């Protein structure tokens, strides 16, 4: 079971994550949406495609761009379609 935690809140929890480049990608339906707001930020990976970011807010504290998702990944990354990964101080326990 993997769990993503920030500021004392469980952001996501799943026994079905996908590991890519050292990151746990959580299925979207295992994410606690109450903490997430879509951000305007995007980035591009040569083999995964376009990533969209989320700001994470817990108890009034905002972690800008702390999570990302690939809505339409390239063919090589279809396993992480609509899965959420974390960084910027979000602790993933596995």
C-alpha atoms as a PDB file:
ATOM      1  CA  UNK A   1       0.000   0.000   0.000  1.00  0.00           C
ATOM      2  CA  UNK A   2       1.404   3.390  -1.013  1.00  0.00           C
ATOM      3  CA  UNK A   3       0.286   6.597   0.638  1.00  0.00           C
ATOM      4  CA  UNK A   4       1.021  10.239  -0.304  1.00  0.00           C
ATOM      5  CA  UNK A   5       1.067  12.578   2.710  1.00  0.00           C
ATOM      6  CA  UNK A   6       1.591  16.323   3.016  1.00  0.00           C
ATOM      7  CA  UNK A   7       1.000  18.649   5.945  1.00  0.00           C
ATOM      8  CA  UNK A   8      -0.538  15.773   7.919  1.00  0.00           C
ATOM      9  CA  UNK A   9      -3.170  14.939   5.282  1.00  0.00           C
ATOM     10  CA  UNK A  10      -3.405  11.757   3.224  1.00  0.00           C
ATOM     11  CA  UNK A  11      -3.584  12.972  -0.377  1.00  0.00           C
ATOM     12  CA  UNK A  12      -3.785   9.536  -2.000  1.00  0.00           C
ATOM     13  CA  UNK A  13      -3.652   5.895  -0.973  1.00  0.00           C
ATOM     14  CA  UNK A  14      -3.521   2.827  -3.205  1.00  0.00           C
ATOM     15  CA  UNK A  15      -2.169  -0.690  -3.496  1.00  0.00           C
ATOM     16  CA  UNK A  16      -2.234  -0.290  -7.274  1.00  0.00           C
ATOM     17  CA  UNK A  17       0.281   2.463  -8.109  1.00  0.00           C
ATOM     18  CA  UNK A  18       2.444   2.443 -11.230  1.00  0.00           C
ATOM     19  CA  UNK A  19       6.161   3.132 -10.713  1.00  0.00           C
ATOM     20  CA  UNK A  20       7.833   5.284 -13.361  1.00  0.00           C
ATOM     21  CA  UNK A  21      11.246   6.908 -12.933  1.00  0.00           C
ATOM     22  CA  UNK A  22      11.090   6.430  -9.168  1.00  0.00           C
ATOM     23  CA  UNK A  23       7.648   8.025  -8.780  1.00  0.00           C
ATOM     24  CA  UNK A  24       4.467   6.326  -7.612  1.00  0.00           C
ATOM     25  CA  UNK A  25       1.582   7.216  -9.939  1.00  0.00           C
ATOM     26  CA  UNK A  26      -1.739   6.854  -8.094  1.00  0.00           C
ATOM     27  CA  UNK A  27      -4.979   6.045  -9.959  1.00  0.00           C
ATOM     28  CA  UNK A  28      -7.123   9.194 -10.026  1.00  0.00           C
ATOM     29  CA  UNK A  29      -9.934   7.512  -8.091  1.00  0.00           C
ATOM     30  CA  UNK A  30      -7.572   6.940  -5.124  1.00  0.00           C
ATOM     31  CA  UNK A  31      -6.792  10.657  -4.759  1.00  0.00           C
ATOM     32  CA  UNK A  32      -8.570  12.779  -2.127  1.00  0.00           C
ATOM     33  CA  UNK A  33      -9.823  15.444  -4.541  1.00  0.00           C
ATOM     34  CA  UNK A  34     -10.766  17.869  -1.745  1.00  0.00           C
ATOM     35  CA  UNK A  35      -7.107  18.909  -1.498  1.00  0.00           C
ATOM     36  CA  UNK A  36      -6.507  19.496  -5.220  1.00  0.00           C
ATOM     37  CA  UNK A  37      -6.994  22.499  -7.478  1.00  0.00           C
ATOM     38  CA  UNK A  38      -6.024  22.378 -11.144  1.00  0.00           C
ATOM     39  CA  UNK A  39      -3.112  24.708 -11.828  1.00  0.00           C
ATOM     40  CA  UNK A  40      -2.306  26.448 -15.087  1.00  0.00           C
ATOM     41  CA  UNK A  41       1.192  24.972 -15.166  1.00  0.00           C
ATOM     42  CA  UNK A  42       2.098  22.297 -17.691  1.00  0.00           C
ATOM     43  CA  UNK A  43       5.306  20.624 -18.788  1.00  0.00           C
ATOM     44  CA  UNK A  44       6.350  18.230 -21.517  1.00  0.00           C
ATOM     45  CA  UNK A  45       8.301  15.006 -21.298  1.00  0.00           C
ATOM     46  CA  UNK A  46       9.824  13.652 -24.520  1.00  0.00           C
ATOM     47  CA  UNK A  47       8.425  10.155 -23.951  1.00  0.00           C
ATOM     48  CA  UNK A  48       5.404  10.724 -21.664  1.00  0.00           C
ATOM     49  CA  UNK A  49       3.884  13.833 -23.230  1.00  0.00           C
ATOM     50  CA  UNK A  50       2.140  16.809 -21.626  1.00  0.00           C
ATOM     51  CA  UNK A  51       1.727  16.907 -17.839  1.00  0.00           C
ATOM     52  CA  UNK A  52      -0.867  19.068 -16.094  1.00  0.00           C
ATOM     53  CA  UNK A  53      -0.273  20.174 -12.509  1.00  0.00           C
ATOM     54  CA  UNK A  54      -2.335  20.553  -9.349  1.00  0.00           C
ATOM     55  CA  UNK A  55      -1.869  22.837  -6.379  1.00  0.00           C
ATOM     56  CA  UNK A  56      -2.416  21.016  -3.090  1.00  0.00           C
ATOM     57  CA  UNK A  57      -4.070  22.870  -0.197  1.00  0.00           C
ATOM     58  CA  UNK A  58      -4.215  21.511   3.354  1.00  0.00           C
ATOM     59  CA  UNK A  59      -5.368  23.618   6.313  1.00  0.00           C
ATOM     60  CA  UNK A  60      -4.884  26.809   4.310  1.00  0.00           C
ATOM     61  CA  UNK A  61      -1.296  25.989   3.290  1.00  0.00           C
ATOM     62  CA  UNK A  62      -0.757  25.749  -0.472  1.00  0.00           C
ATOM     63  CA  UNK A  63       1.872  23.568  -2.123  1.00  0.00           C
ATOM     64  CA  UNK A  64       1.990  24.975  -5.650  1.00  0.00           C
ATOM     65  CA  UNK A  65       2.294  22.418  -8.446  1.00  0.00           C
ATOM     66  CA  UNK A  66       2.859  19.570  -5.981  1.00  0.00           C
ATOM     67  CA  UNK A  67       1.099  16.949  -8.106  1.00  0.00           C
ATOM     68  CA  UNK A  68       0.887  16.181 -11.803  1.00  0.00           C
ATOM     69  CA  UNK A  69      -1.110  14.034 -14.181  1.00  0.00           C
ATOM     70  CA  UNK A  70      -0.930  12.913 -17.812  1.00  0.00           C
ATOM     71  CA  UNK A  71      -4.432  13.054 -19.293  1.00  0.00           C
ATOM     72  CA  UNK A  72      -3.284  11.993 -22.768  1.00  0.00           C
ATOM     73  CA  UNK A  73       0.172  10.426 -22.489  1.00  0.00           C
ATOM     74  CA  UNK A  74       2.188   9.246 -25.453  1.00  0.00           C
ATOM     75  CA  UNK A  75       1.974   5.553 -26.402  1.00  0.00           C
ATOM     76  CA  UNK A  76       5.012   4.601 -24.303  1.00  0.00           C
ATOM     77  CA  UNK A  77       3.335   5.904 -21.123  1.00  0.00           C
ATOM     78  CA  UNK A  78      -0.260   4.708 -21.401  1.00  0.00           C
ATOM     79  CA  UNK A  79       0.052   2.902 -18.036  1.00  0.00           C
ATOM     80  CA  UNK A  80       0.022   6.282 -16.247  1.00  0.00           C
ATOM     81  CA  UNK A  81      -2.931   7.822 -18.073  1.00  0.00           C
ATOM     82  CA  UNK A  82      -5.012   9.732 -15.495  1.00  0.00           C
ATOM     83  CA  UNK A  83      -2.680   8.739 -12.636  1.00  0.00           C
ATOM     84  CA  UNK A  84      -1.355  11.360 -10.191  1.00  0.00           C
ATOM     85  CA  UNK A  85       2.249  11.658  -8.975  1.00  0.00           C
ATOM     86  CA  UNK A  86       3.785  13.962  -6.373  1.00  0.00           C
ATOM     87  CA  UNK A  87       6.851  16.017  -5.488  1.00  0.00           C
ATOM     88  CA  UNK A  88       7.716  19.267  -3.660  1.00  0.00           C
ATOM     89  CA  UNK A  89       7.728  17.840  -0.187  1.00  0.00           C
ATOM     90  CA  UNK A  90       4.854  15.384  -0.532  1.00  0.00           C
ATOM     91  CA  UNK A  91       6.030  12.203   1.199  1.00  0.00           C
ATOM     92  CA  UNK A  92       5.136   8.923  -0.472  1.00  0.00           C
ATOM     93  CA  UNK A  93       5.252   5.973   1.915  1.00  0.00           C
ATOM     94  CA  UNK A  94       5.288   2.514   0.396  1.00  0.00           C
END
